[in-house]
Amino acid sequence: MSTDAAKGPASYFPSIEKKYGQPIAHWKELIRNSPLTRHMELVAWLKAEHGLGHGHANALVKHTLDEGAK
């Protein structure tokens, strides 16, 4: 039996899309275009300005910043 379940931050993506009605690409674009650069600043901004829960905001920021670190 093979499981292709996402691991780490990406495991939150299906519930983020369902709960907030936007594709992950939308959130990543917001994060990339934000003048903020620090992880927790971005998390706080997503929570305050866009109504995301802490875990969802944290997962999106981590995944997006990790992509940029390549």
N, C-alpha and C. Protein backbone atom coordinates (compact mmCIF):
# COMPACT_ATOMS: atom_id res chain seq x y z
N MET A 1 0.84 -1.19 0.00
CA MET A 1 0.00 0.00 0.00
C MET A 1 0.89 1.25 0.00
N SER A 2 0.73 2.07 -1.01
CA SER A 2 1.54 3.27 -1.14
C SER A 2 0.76 4.48 -0.64
N THR A 3 1.44 5.33 0.11
CA THR A 3 0.79 6.56 0.56
C THR A 3 1.56 7.74 -0.01
N ASP A 4 0.86 8.59 -0.72
CA ASP A 4 1.46 9.77 -1.30
C ASP A 4 1.06 11.02 -0.53
N ALA A 5 0.71 10.85 0.73
CA ALA A 5 0.28 11.98 1.54
C ALA A 5 1.42 12.98 1.67
N ALA A 6 1.07 14.26 1.59
CA ALA A 6 2.06 15.31 1.73
C ALA A 6 2.59 15.31 3.16
N LYS A 7 3.84 15.70 3.29
CA LYS A 7 4.47 15.75 4.59
C LYS A 7 4.80 17.20 4.92
N GLY A 8 4.99 17.49 6.19
CA GLY A 8 5.39 18.82 6.62
C GLY A 8 4.34 19.87 6.30
N PRO A 9 4.79 21.10 6.01
CA PRO A 9 3.84 22.19 5.78
C PRO A 9 2.81 21.89 4.68
N ALA A 10 3.22 21.18 3.64
CA ALA A 10 2.31 20.91 2.52
C ALA A 10 1.12 20.05 2.95
N SER A 11 1.24 19.35 4.07
CA SER A 11 0.11 18.52 4.52
C SER A 11 -1.09 19.38 4.91
N TYR A 12 -0.86 20.64 5.16
CA TYR A 12 -1.95 21.56 5.50
C TYR A 12 -2.67 22.11 4.27
N PHE A 13 -2.07 21.99 3.09
CA PHE A 13 -2.58 22.69 1.91
C PHE A 13 -4.02 22.36 1.54
N PRO A 14 -4.44 21.10 1.54
CA PRO A 14 -5.84 20.83 1.19
C PRO A 14 -6.84 21.52 2.12
N SER A 15 -6.55 21.51 3.42
CA SER A 15 -7.48 22.16 4.35
C SER A 15 -7.42 23.68 4.23
N ILE A 16 -6.27 24.23 3.89
CA ILE A 16 -6.16 25.68 3.70
C ILE A 16 -7.01 26.10 2.51
N GLU A 17 -6.89 25.38 1.40
CA GLU A 17 -7.68 25.71 0.21
C GLU A 17 -9.17 25.59 0.49
N LYS A 18 -9.55 24.55 1.20
CA LYS A 18 -10.97 24.34 1.50
C LYS A 18 -11.51 25.42 2.43
N LYS A 19 -10.77 25.72 3.48
CA LYS A 19 -11.25 26.66 4.50
C LYS A 19 -11.29 28.10 4.00
N TYR A 20 -10.28 28.52 3.23
CA TYR A 20 -10.17 29.93 2.86
C TYR A 20 -10.56 30.21 1.41
N GLY A 21 -10.83 29.16 0.63
CA GLY A 21 -11.36 29.34 -0.72
C GLY A 21 -10.40 29.90 -1.74
N GLN A 22 -9.12 29.82 -1.46
CA GLN A 22 -8.11 30.31 -2.41
C GLN A 22 -7.08 29.21 -2.63
N PRO A 23 -6.54 29.13 -3.85
CA PRO A 23 -5.49 28.14 -4.10
C PRO A 23 -4.20 28.52 -3.35
N ILE A 24 -3.37 27.55 -3.11
CA ILE A 24 -2.10 27.79 -2.42
C ILE A 24 -1.27 28.82 -3.16
N ALA A 25 -1.32 28.81 -4.48
CA ALA A 25 -0.56 29.79 -5.28
C ALA A 25 -0.93 31.22 -4.90
N HIS A 26 -2.19 31.46 -4.57
CA HIS A 26 -2.64 32.79 -4.15
C HIS A 26 -1.91 33.23 -2.89
N TRP A 27 -1.86 32.36 -1.90
CA TRP A 27 -1.21 32.69 -0.63
C TRP A 27 0.29 32.87 -0.80
N LYS A 28 0.90 32.00 -1.60
CA LYS A 28 2.34 32.12 -1.84
C LYS A 28 2.69 33.43 -2.53
N GLU A 29 1.85 33.84 -3.46
CA GLU A 29 2.09 35.11 -4.16
C GLU A 29 1.98 36.27 -3.17
N LEU A 30 0.97 36.24 -2.29
CA LEU A 30 0.86 37.29 -1.27
C LEU A 30 2.10 37.35 -0.40
N ILE A 31 2.58 36.20 0.03
CA ILE A 31 3.77 36.15 0.88
C ILE A 31 4.98 36.69 0.13
N ARG A 32 5.18 36.25 -1.10
CA ARG A 32 6.34 36.70 -1.88
C ARG A 32 6.30 38.20 -2.16
N ASN A 33 5.09 38.75 -2.34
CA ASN A 33 4.96 40.17 -2.67
C ASN A 33 4.89 41.08 -1.44
N SER A 34 4.85 40.50 -0.28
CA SER A 34 4.79 41.29 0.95
C SER A 34 6.13 41.96 1.20
N PRO A 35 6.11 43.19 1.73
CA PRO A 35 7.38 43.84 2.09
C PRO A 35 8.01 43.18 3.32
N LEU A 36 7.24 42.37 4.03
CA LEU A 36 7.77 41.67 5.21
C LEU A 36 8.65 40.52 4.75
N THR A 37 9.67 40.22 5.54
CA THR A 37 10.58 39.13 5.16
C THR A 37 10.80 38.11 6.27
N ARG A 38 10.52 38.48 7.52
CA ARG A 38 10.77 37.56 8.62
C ARG A 38 9.58 36.63 8.81
N HIS A 39 9.90 35.39 9.14
CA HIS A 39 8.88 34.35 9.26
C HIS A 39 7.71 34.77 10.15
N MET A 40 7.98 35.14 11.38
CA MET A 40 6.88 35.42 12.31
C MET A 40 6.13 36.71 11.94
N GLU A 41 6.81 37.65 11.31
CA GLU A 41 6.11 38.85 10.83
C GLU A 41 5.09 38.47 9.77
N LEU A 42 5.49 37.59 8.87
CA LEU A 42 4.58 37.14 7.81
C LEU A 42 3.42 36.34 8.39
N VAL A 43 3.69 35.49 9.37
CA VAL A 43 2.63 34.71 10.01
C VAL A 43 1.63 35.66 10.67
N ALA A 44 2.12 36.62 11.42
CA ALA A 44 1.24 37.57 12.11
C ALA A 44 0.41 38.37 11.10
N TRP A 45 1.02 38.75 9.99
CA TRP A 45 0.32 39.50 8.94
C TRP A 45 -0.79 38.68 8.31
N LEU A 46 -0.52 37.42 7.99
CA LEU A 46 -1.55 36.56 7.41
C LEU A 46 -2.71 36.38 8.38
N LYS A 47 -2.40 36.25 9.65
CA LYS A 47 -3.44 36.07 10.66
C LYS A 47 -4.28 37.35 10.81
N ALA A 48 -3.61 38.49 10.91
CA ALA A 48 -4.31 39.76 11.16
C ALA A 48 -5.04 40.28 9.93
N GLU A 49 -4.40 40.23 8.78
CA GLU A 49 -4.96 40.84 7.58
C GLU A 49 -5.84 39.90 6.76
N HIS A 50 -5.60 38.60 6.88
CA HIS A 50 -6.30 37.65 6.01
C HIS A 50 -7.10 36.60 6.78
N GLY A 51 -7.05 36.65 8.11
CA GLY A 51 -7.87 35.78 8.93
C GLY A 51 -7.46 34.32 8.98
N LEU A 52 -6.22 34.03 8.63
CA LEU A 52 -5.75 32.64 8.69
C LEU A 52 -5.47 32.25 10.13
N GLY A 53 -5.64 30.97 10.41
CA GLY A 53 -5.24 30.44 11.71
C GLY A 53 -3.72 30.34 11.78
N HIS A 54 -3.20 30.25 12.99
CA HIS A 54 -1.74 30.23 13.18
C HIS A 54 -1.07 29.08 12.43
N GLY A 55 -1.60 27.87 12.58
CA GLY A 55 -0.97 26.71 11.94
C GLY A 55 -0.97 26.82 10.43
N HIS A 56 -2.07 27.30 9.86
CA HIS A 56 -2.14 27.45 8.41
C HIS A 56 -1.18 28.54 7.92
N ALA A 57 -1.16 29.67 8.61
CA ALA A 57 -0.25 30.76 8.23
C ALA A 57 1.20 30.30 8.34
N ASN A 58 1.52 29.62 9.42
CA ASN A 58 2.88 29.14 9.64
C ASN A 58 3.31 28.17 8.54
N ALA A 59 2.43 27.25 8.17
CA ALA A 59 2.75 26.28 7.12
C ALA A 59 2.99 26.96 5.78
N LEU A 60 2.15 27.93 5.44
CA LEU A 60 2.31 28.64 4.17
C LEU A 60 3.62 29.43 4.14
N VAL A 61 3.92 30.13 5.22
CA VAL A 61 5.14 30.94 5.26
C VAL A 61 6.37 30.04 5.19
N LYS A 62 6.38 28.98 5.98
CA LYS A 62 7.55 28.07 5.97
C LYS A 62 7.78 27.49 4.58
N HIS A 63 6.73 26.98 3.99
CA HIS A 63 6.86 26.35 2.67
C HIS A 63 7.34 27.37 1.63
N THR A 64 6.78 28.57 1.66
CA THR A 64 7.14 29.60 0.69
C THR A 64 8.58 30.07 0.90
N LEU A 65 8.97 30.32 2.14
CA LEU A 65 10.34 30.76 2.40
C LEU A 65 11.35 29.67 2.10
N ASP A 66 11.01 28.43 2.37
CA ASP A 66 11.92 27.32 2.05
C ASP A 66 12.15 27.21 0.55
N GLU A 67 11.12 27.47 -0.24
CA GLU A 67 11.28 27.44 -1.70
C GLU A 67 12.27 28.51 -2.17
N GLY A 68 12.19 29.68 -1.55
CA GLY A 68 13.07 30.78 -1.93
C GLY A 68 14.49 30.58 -1.49
N ALA A 69 14.71 29.66 -0.57
CA ALA A 69 16.05 29.42 -0.03
C ALA A 69 16.91 28.52 -0.90
N LYS A 70 16.34 28.02 -1.98
CA LYS A 70 17.08 27.11 -2.84
C LYS A 70 18.21 27.80 -3.56
